[in-house]
Amino acid sequence: MKKNRDFIQFGLFVTVSGVGGLFLSLTGLPIGWMIGTLLMATFLSILRPNLLQLPRNQKGIPKYWLYIGQCILGIELGRKVNSSVLYIFHENWSTITIMLLLSIFISLLSGFVLWKYSNLDMLTSFFATAPGGLSSIPGIAEEVGANTGVVSIIQAMRVFLVILTIPLIISFLNSHSEANANNYTISTELTKFGIEQLAFTILFVCIAWSGYYIGKFLKFPAPWLIGSMVSVAIVKSFGSELFGYELVTWWPQSLMIVSQIFIGASIGSRFHKNMFIGLNRTLIISFLSTIGLIVSVFICAYFVSIVTDITFLTAGLAFAPGGIAEMTTTALVLNGDATFVIAVQVLRVVTVCITLPPLFRFLRYWEVKKKSHSHLSA
């Protein structure tokens, strides 16, 4: 009986938090559901109203809400790795590789600056500046011991700044519409309900479920996200090559809204008042580092547009750490190469989520070991 009562309480908390996402989504912000839900959940978690108050011995809502959201997001990202994305990578692999390495290097440099000039620990600083997106990074950060609240705050601030500045500046600099000569048509999957589409959907869900266990066995960070994403991407890519056509699933857009609500509510429910104490300096440094990141995006995009046949518009949106949906939508509106943008954005999320967490763990181990040696020598 108590479990049923708690489940209803948690479900009500998630539902009311989702109302915040609904209101922010009306502004047209693609990730509005995520940020709005996170803000509302944070508000409820800090104020603790009687009707929606979580048990005091409960650190936020149960993690299965986060895991469901991560699994849906993982399947969505895995579905985006289609033949068009692979073709784009094959044709521009050197440029994409350089852009990926540069974005990771700049994020590490930004995290280093945040760590040195704020009161944050090293792990939280690096995760807060990692270019993986608000949907994935906080969930991974929680699993490896970083301060999820601070990571979410800084990631949300960066997403806002990037979305509000880069598309506007690029639109201004490209007053006339630029179309890339190599602009391929993005493969848009139908969401029409049918037996074949439903069968592939069930198949992908089962593959994602298996991917979680594989990811857990291989000790992937956030196995519900990384395991499902990698497994679905592999099966879809090889399946499409085997059958000779895209494996089209019934995957309504509402599922991504559910994913954003579950992830946002789960992260927001873990906020408390003490997290915001002494963050003034941290937020100022984060703001300045994000401005530096945006400037570096334009510089790198400019050089890429000079040495390749990729337009400045396309390179800027592909390199920008603003999220897959936001940058791809902007590319479509401004007649950029949306397929190239989505290829770079998806590959960066995959690269960041797989490679950076083990690196951050090693850096933390190295830091702890260094401190222990210094204490022994003293």
Protein backbone atom coordinates (compact mmCIF):
# COMPACT_ATOMS: atom_id res chain seq x y z
CA MET A 1 0.00 0.00 0.00
CA LYS A 2 2.81 2.41 0.90
CA LYS A 3 4.60 1.66 -2.38
CA ASN A 4 1.44 2.46 -4.35
CA ARG A 5 0.98 5.70 -2.41
CA ASP A 6 4.60 6.71 -3.01
CA PHE A 7 4.31 5.88 -6.71
CA ILE A 8 1.24 8.11 -7.02
CA GLN A 9 3.12 10.87 -5.17
CA PHE A 10 6.10 10.56 -7.51
CA GLY A 11 3.84 10.44 -10.57
CA LEU A 12 2.05 13.60 -9.42
CA PHE A 13 5.41 15.32 -8.90
CA VAL A 14 6.51 14.41 -12.43
CA THR A 15 3.18 15.50 -13.93
CA VAL A 16 3.18 18.90 -12.23
CA SER A 17 6.85 19.36 -13.18
CA GLY A 18 5.90 18.61 -16.78
CA VAL A 19 3.48 21.55 -16.71
CA GLY A 20 6.53 23.81 -16.46
CA GLY A 21 7.92 22.12 -19.54
CA LEU A 22 4.62 22.68 -21.36
CA PHE A 23 4.68 26.42 -20.69
CA LEU A 24 8.32 26.84 -21.77
CA SER A 25 7.73 24.72 -24.89
CA LEU A 26 5.16 27.29 -26.03
CA THR A 27 8.06 29.68 -26.65
CA GLY A 28 9.20 27.42 -29.50
CA LEU A 29 12.41 26.34 -27.75
CA PRO A 30 13.03 22.72 -28.90
CA ILE A 31 14.43 21.70 -25.52
CA GLY A 32 11.80 23.74 -23.67
CA TRP A 33 10.15 20.62 -22.27
CA MET A 34 13.43 19.61 -20.62
CA ILE A 35 14.40 22.99 -19.18
CA GLY A 36 10.87 23.94 -18.13
CA THR A 37 10.36 20.62 -16.36
CA LEU A 38 13.75 20.90 -14.67
CA LEU A 39 12.98 24.43 -13.43
CA MET A 40 9.56 23.45 -12.11
CA ALA A 41 10.91 20.29 -10.44
CA THR A 42 13.69 22.34 -8.83
CA PHE A 43 11.12 24.86 -7.58
CA LEU A 44 8.97 22.09 -6.08
CA SER A 45 11.97 20.30 -4.57
CA ILE A 46 13.24 23.44 -2.82
CA LEU A 47 9.87 24.76 -1.60
CA ARG A 48 8.53 21.28 -0.70
CA PRO A 49 4.76 22.01 -0.87
CA ASN A 50 2.68 19.64 1.25
CA LEU A 51 0.77 18.09 -1.64
CA LEU A 52 3.90 17.35 -3.69
CA GLN A 53 6.44 16.92 -0.91
CA LEU A 54 8.81 14.00 -1.47
CA PRO A 55 9.69 11.74 1.49
CA ARG A 56 12.56 13.27 3.49
CA ASN A 57 14.54 10.03 3.36
CA GLN A 58 14.17 10.02 -0.44
CA LYS A 59 16.89 11.78 -2.47
CA GLY A 60 14.68 12.93 -5.31
CA ILE A 61 12.27 10.70 -7.21
CA PRO A 62 13.32 7.07 -7.83
CA LYS A 63 15.92 6.61 -10.52
CA TYR A 64 13.73 4.46 -12.74
CA TRP A 65 12.13 7.69 -14.01
CA LEU A 66 15.57 8.84 -15.15
CA TYR A 67 16.39 5.43 -16.63
CA ILE A 68 13.19 5.35 -18.71
CA GLY A 69 13.91 8.85 -20.02
CA GLN A 70 17.52 7.93 -20.83
CA CYS A 71 16.45 4.76 -22.65
CA ILE A 72 13.99 6.68 -24.85
CA LEU A 73 16.67 9.28 -25.57
CA GLY A 74 19.20 6.54 -26.37
CA ILE A 75 16.84 4.92 -28.89
CA GLU A 76 16.17 8.32 -30.47
CA LEU A 77 19.89 9.05 -30.87
CA GLY A 78 20.54 5.54 -32.19
CA ARG A 79 17.78 5.96 -34.78
CA LYS A 80 19.44 9.13 -36.09
CA VAL A 81 22.54 7.20 -37.14
CA ASN A 82 21.19 6.26 -40.57
CA SER A 83 22.86 5.70 -43.94
CA SER A 84 22.86 9.44 -44.74
CA VAL A 85 24.80 10.21 -41.55
CA LEU A 86 27.30 7.43 -42.30
CA TYR A 87 27.71 8.66 -45.88
CA ILE A 88 28.34 12.21 -44.69
CA PHE A 89 30.94 10.94 -42.22
CA HIS A 90 32.62 8.85 -44.92
CA GLU A 91 32.85 11.86 -47.26
CA ASN A 92 34.02 14.34 -44.58
CA TRP A 93 35.65 12.12 -41.96
CA SER A 94 38.80 14.22 -41.57
CA THR A 95 36.89 17.50 -41.06
CA ILE A 96 34.40 15.90 -38.66
CA THR A 97 37.19 14.24 -36.66
CA ILE A 98 39.06 17.53 -36.31
CA MET A 99 35.87 19.33 -35.24
CA LEU A 100 35.07 16.64 -32.68
CA LEU A 101 38.56 16.73 -31.20
CA LEU A 102 38.55 20.53 -31.09
CA SER A 103 35.16 20.68 -29.36
CA ILE A 104 36.30 18.16 -26.75
CA PHE A 105 39.61 19.97 -26.22
CA ILE A 106 37.86 23.34 -25.81
CA SER A 107 35.39 21.84 -23.32
CA LEU A 108 38.24 20.32 -21.30
CA LEU A 109 40.05 23.66 -21.32
CA SER A 110 36.88 25.41 -20.18
CA GLY A 111 36.40 22.82 -17.43
CA PHE A 112 40.01 23.29 -16.31
CA VAL A 113 39.50 27.05 -16.03
CA LEU A 114 36.29 26.53 -14.06
CA TRP A 115 38.04 24.09 -11.72
CA LYS A 116 41.01 26.37 -11.07
CA TYR A 117 39.11 29.62 -10.54
CA SER A 118 35.98 28.43 -8.72
CA ASN A 119 35.23 26.37 -5.62
CA LEU A 120 33.98 23.36 -7.60
CA ASP A 121 35.67 19.99 -7.51
CA MET A 122 37.42 18.75 -10.65
CA LEU A 123 34.81 16.16 -11.67
CA THR A 124 31.90 18.63 -11.43
CA SER A 125 33.85 21.29 -13.34
CA PHE A 126 34.61 19.02 -16.28
CA PHE A 127 31.09 17.59 -16.48
CA ALA A 128 29.57 21.08 -16.26
CA THR A 129 31.43 22.14 -19.42
CA ALA A 130 31.24 18.85 -21.37
CA PRO A 131 29.50 19.36 -24.75
CA GLY A 132 27.15 16.40 -24.45
CA GLY A 133 23.89 18.22 -23.83
CA LEU A 134 21.52 18.83 -20.94
CA SER A 135 19.70 15.58 -21.68
CA SER A 136 22.64 13.24 -21.15
CA ILE A 137 25.49 14.81 -19.18
CA PRO A 138 23.76 15.42 -15.78
CA GLY A 139 22.55 11.82 -15.65
CA ILE A 140 26.07 10.51 -16.29
CA ALA A 141 27.54 13.03 -13.84
CA GLU A 142 25.33 11.72 -11.05
CA GLU A 143 26.49 8.16 -11.59
CA VAL A 144 30.18 9.02 -11.27
CA GLY A 145 29.81 11.23 -8.19
CA ALA A 146 29.76 14.78 -9.56
CA ASN A 147 27.44 17.49 -8.21
CA THR A 148 24.43 16.98 -10.49
CA GLY A 149 22.73 20.20 -9.42
CA VAL A 150 25.67 22.42 -10.34
CA VAL A 151 26.25 20.48 -13.58
CA SER A 152 22.59 20.98 -14.56
CA ILE A 153 22.65 24.71 -13.73
CA ILE A 154 25.77 25.38 -15.80
CA GLN A 155 24.68 23.13 -18.67
CA ALA A 156 21.28 24.88 -18.82
CA MET A 157 22.95 28.30 -18.82
CA ARG A 158 25.27 27.25 -21.63
CA VAL A 159 22.41 25.84 -23.72
CA PHE A 160 20.44 29.09 -23.30
CA LEU A 161 23.42 31.24 -24.31
CA VAL A 162 24.33 29.08 -27.30
CA ILE A 163 20.76 28.85 -28.60
CA LEU A 164 20.13 32.57 -28.13
CA THR A 165 23.38 33.76 -29.71
CA ILE A 166 24.78 31.39 -32.35
CA PRO A 167 21.68 31.03 -34.58
CA LEU A 168 21.03 34.79 -34.41
CA ILE A 169 24.63 35.75 -35.22
CA ILE A 170 24.88 33.18 -38.01
CA SER A 171 21.56 34.41 -39.44
CA PHE A 172 22.91 37.97 -39.40
CA LEU A 173 26.23 37.02 -40.99
CA ASN A 174 24.41 35.00 -43.65
CA SER A 175 21.87 37.62 -44.69
CA HIS A 176 21.37 35.80 -47.97
CA SER A 177 20.48 32.10 -47.85
CA GLU A 178 23.42 29.82 -48.42
CA ALA A 179 22.89 26.38 -49.80
CA ASN A 180 25.70 23.88 -49.70
CA ALA A 181 26.43 22.24 -53.04
CA ASN A 182 26.69 18.95 -51.22
CA ASN A 183 23.47 19.40 -49.26
CA TYR A 184 21.87 16.02 -48.99
CA THR A 185 18.27 15.46 -48.09
CA ILE A 186 17.81 14.43 -44.50
CA SER A 187 16.15 11.08 -44.09
CA THR A 188 13.00 11.75 -42.12
CA GLU A 189 11.36 8.70 -40.69
CA LEU A 190 7.65 8.31 -40.90
CA THR A 191 5.70 8.13 -37.68
CA LYS A 192 2.78 6.45 -39.43
CA PHE A 193 1.44 3.54 -37.42
CA GLY A 194 1.71 0.21 -39.24
CA ILE A 195 2.50 -3.44 -38.53
CA GLU A 196 6.01 -3.20 -39.99
CA GLN A 197 6.81 0.07 -38.19
CA LEU A 198 5.46 -1.32 -34.91
CA ALA A 199 7.51 -4.49 -35.33
CA PHE A 200 10.71 -2.49 -35.79
CA THR A 201 9.80 -0.34 -32.77
CA ILE A 202 9.41 -3.44 -30.58
CA LEU A 203 12.68 -4.77 -32.01
CA PHE A 204 14.54 -1.54 -31.16
CA VAL A 205 13.11 -1.48 -27.62
CA CYS A 206 14.33 -5.06 -27.09
CA ILE A 207 17.72 -4.16 -28.55
CA ALA A 208 17.93 -1.12 -26.26
CA TRP A 209 17.06 -3.31 -23.28
CA SER A 210 19.82 -5.76 -24.26
CA GLY A 211 22.18 -2.83 -24.83
CA TYR A 212 21.68 -1.77 -21.22
CA TYR A 213 22.92 -5.14 -19.94
CA ILE A 214 25.84 -5.11 -22.36
CA GLY A 215 26.70 -1.56 -21.29
CA LYS A 216 26.43 -2.53 -17.63
CA PHE A 217 28.68 -5.54 -18.19
CA LEU A 218 31.23 -3.35 -19.99
CA LYS A 219 30.87 -0.74 -17.21
CA PHE A 220 29.65 2.05 -19.52
CA PRO A 221 28.61 5.25 -17.74
CA ALA A 222 24.79 5.65 -17.83
CA PRO A 223 24.26 2.22 -19.48
CA TRP A 224 20.56 2.93 -20.09
CA LEU A 225 21.57 5.83 -22.32
CA ILE A 226 24.90 4.73 -23.82
CA GLY A 227 24.06 1.02 -24.12
CA SER A 228 20.71 1.60 -25.81
CA MET A 229 22.12 4.31 -28.09
CA VAL A 230 25.10 2.29 -29.34
CA SER A 231 23.20 -0.98 -29.72
CA VAL A 232 20.31 0.60 -31.67
CA ALA A 233 22.75 2.55 -33.88
CA ILE A 234 24.71 -0.61 -34.73
CA VAL A 235 21.64 -2.72 -35.46
CA LYS A 236 19.99 0.00 -37.53
CA SER A 237 23.12 0.73 -39.58
CA PHE A 238 23.88 -2.90 -40.38
CA GLY A 239 20.18 -3.75 -40.74
CA SER A 240 19.69 -0.99 -43.30
CA GLU A 241 22.69 -2.25 -45.28
CA LEU A 242 21.46 -5.84 -45.05
CA PHE A 243 17.86 -5.15 -46.16
CA GLY A 244 18.75 -2.34 -48.57
CA TYR A 245 16.38 0.22 -47.05
CA GLU A 246 15.97 2.25 -43.86
CA LEU A 247 14.44 0.43 -40.90
CA VAL A 248 11.49 2.73 -40.26
CA THR A 249 9.91 2.63 -36.80
CA TRP A 250 6.71 3.98 -35.34
CA TRP A 251 8.24 6.61 -33.10
CA PRO A 252 5.92 9.55 -32.35
CA GLN A 253 7.51 12.84 -31.29
CA SER A 254 5.56 12.68 -28.03
CA LEU A 255 8.00 10.03 -26.81
CA MET A 256 10.80 12.59 -26.83
CA ILE A 257 8.58 14.92 -24.79
CA VAL A 258 8.09 12.11 -22.26
CA SER A 259 11.85 11.56 -22.20
CA GLN A 260 12.55 15.24 -21.55
CA ILE A 261 9.93 15.37 -18.77
CA PHE A 262 11.24 12.26 -17.02
CA ILE A 263 14.88 13.36 -17.21
CA GLY A 264 14.11 16.96 -16.23
CA ALA A 265 11.90 15.94 -13.30
CA SER A 266 14.46 13.41 -12.07
CA ILE A 267 17.34 15.90 -12.14
CA GLY A 268 15.28 18.76 -10.69
CA SER A 269 13.98 16.63 -7.81
CA ARG A 270 17.54 16.29 -6.49
CA PHE A 271 18.08 20.02 -6.03
CA HIS A 272 18.16 21.55 -2.57
CA LYS A 273 18.85 25.01 -1.17
CA ASN A 274 22.42 24.29 -0.13
CA MET A 275 23.44 23.72 -3.76
CA PHE A 276 23.07 27.43 -4.56
CA ILE A 277 25.20 28.69 -1.67
CA GLY A 278 28.41 30.33 -2.90
CA LEU A 279 27.69 29.85 -6.62
CA ASN A 280 28.04 33.52 -7.60
CA ARG A 281 31.71 33.24 -8.57
CA THR A 282 31.13 29.90 -10.28
CA LEU A 283 28.29 31.25 -12.44
CA ILE A 284 30.31 34.31 -13.46
CA ILE A 285 33.27 32.15 -14.51
CA SER A 286 30.92 29.76 -16.33
CA PHE A 287 29.31 32.66 -18.17
CA LEU A 288 32.68 34.01 -19.30
CA SER A 289 33.92 30.57 -20.36
CA THR A 290 30.72 30.01 -22.37
CA ILE A 291 31.26 33.34 -24.16
CA GLY A 292 34.81 32.19 -24.94
CA LEU A 293 33.42 28.89 -26.20
CA ILE A 294 30.99 30.69 -28.54
CA VAL A 295 33.82 32.87 -29.91
CA SER A 296 35.95 29.78 -30.52
CA VAL A 297 33.04 28.19 -32.40
CA PHE A 298 32.97 31.07 -34.88
CA ILE A 299 36.75 31.05 -35.29
CA CYS A 300 36.85 27.29 -35.97
CA ALA A 301 33.82 27.49 -38.29
CA TYR A 302 35.50 30.27 -40.25
CA PHE A 303 38.68 28.25 -40.81
CA VAL A 304 36.70 25.13 -41.74
CA SER A 305 34.72 27.13 -44.32
CA ILE A 306 38.00 28.39 -45.83
CA VAL A 307 39.79 25.04 -46.19
CA THR A 308 36.72 22.98 -47.21
CA ASP A 309 33.60 23.42 -49.32
CA ILE A 310 31.46 23.48 -46.16
CA THR A 311 29.72 26.81 -45.64
CA PHE A 312 30.32 28.95 -42.58
CA LEU A 313 26.66 28.55 -41.63
CA THR A 314 26.83 24.74 -41.69
CA ALA A 315 30.20 24.56 -39.92
CA GLY A 316 29.09 26.94 -37.17
CA LEU A 317 25.90 25.02 -36.41
CA ALA A 318 27.67 21.65 -36.57
CA PHE A 319 30.41 22.80 -34.19
CA ALA A 320 28.09 24.64 -31.73
CA PRO A 321 27.49 22.79 -28.42
CA GLY A 322 23.80 23.65 -28.36
CA GLY A 323 22.13 20.29 -28.85
CA ILE A 324 21.08 18.11 -31.78
CA ALA A 325 17.47 19.27 -32.15
CA GLU A 326 18.23 22.98 -31.79
CA MET A 327 21.14 23.17 -34.23
CA THR A 328 19.54 20.85 -36.81
CA THR A 329 16.32 22.86 -36.77
CA THR A 330 18.28 26.08 -37.27
CA ALA A 331 20.17 24.51 -40.19
CA LEU A 332 16.91 23.55 -41.88
CA VAL A 333 15.44 27.04 -41.42
CA LEU A 334 18.57 28.79 -42.75
CA ASN A 335 19.09 26.35 -45.68
CA GLY A 336 22.28 24.90 -44.26
CA ASP A 337 23.40 21.29 -44.68
CA ALA A 338 21.21 19.78 -41.98
CA THR A 339 22.49 16.25 -42.60
CA PHE A 340 26.08 17.31 -41.97
CA VAL A 341 24.99 19.20 -38.83
CA ILE A 342 23.12 16.22 -37.41
CA ALA A 343 26.03 13.87 -38.27
CA VAL A 344 28.54 15.97 -36.32
CA GLN A 345 26.16 16.61 -33.41
CA VAL A 346 25.19 12.93 -33.00
CA LEU A 347 28.77 11.70 -33.32
CA ARG A 348 29.93 14.28 -30.76
CA VAL A 349 27.29 13.17 -28.23
CA VAL A 350 28.32 9.53 -28.74
CA THR A 351 32.02 10.40 -28.47
CA VAL A 352 31.60 12.59 -25.39
CA CYS A 353 29.37 10.14 -23.54
CA ILE A 354 31.69 7.19 -24.18
CA THR A 355 35.15 8.74 -23.86
CA LEU A 356 34.96 11.60 -21.36
CA PRO A 357 33.52 9.84 -18.25
CA PRO A 358 36.38 7.28 -18.07
CA LEU A 359 38.85 10.14 -18.60
CA PHE A 360 37.24 12.16 -15.80
CA ARG A 361 37.36 9.11 -13.51
CA PHE A 362 41.08 8.74 -14.23
CA LEU A 363 41.69 12.43 -13.55
CA ARG A 364 39.82 12.17 -10.25
CA TYR A 365 41.81 9.06 -9.29
CA TRP A 366 45.01 10.89 -10.17
CA GLU A 367 43.97 13.93 -8.10
CA VAL A 368 43.08 11.82 -5.04
CA LYS A 369 46.33 9.88 -5.34
CA LYS A 370 48.31 13.12 -5.65
CA LYS A 371 46.64 14.57 -2.55
CA SER A 372 47.30 11.40 -0.55
CA HIS A 373 51.00 11.52 -1.48
CA SER A 374 51.24 15.18 -0.48
CA HIS A 375 49.64 14.41 2.92
CA LEU A 376 52.04 11.51 3.53
CA SER A 377 55.09 13.63 2.62
CA ALA A 378 53.92 16.41 4.92
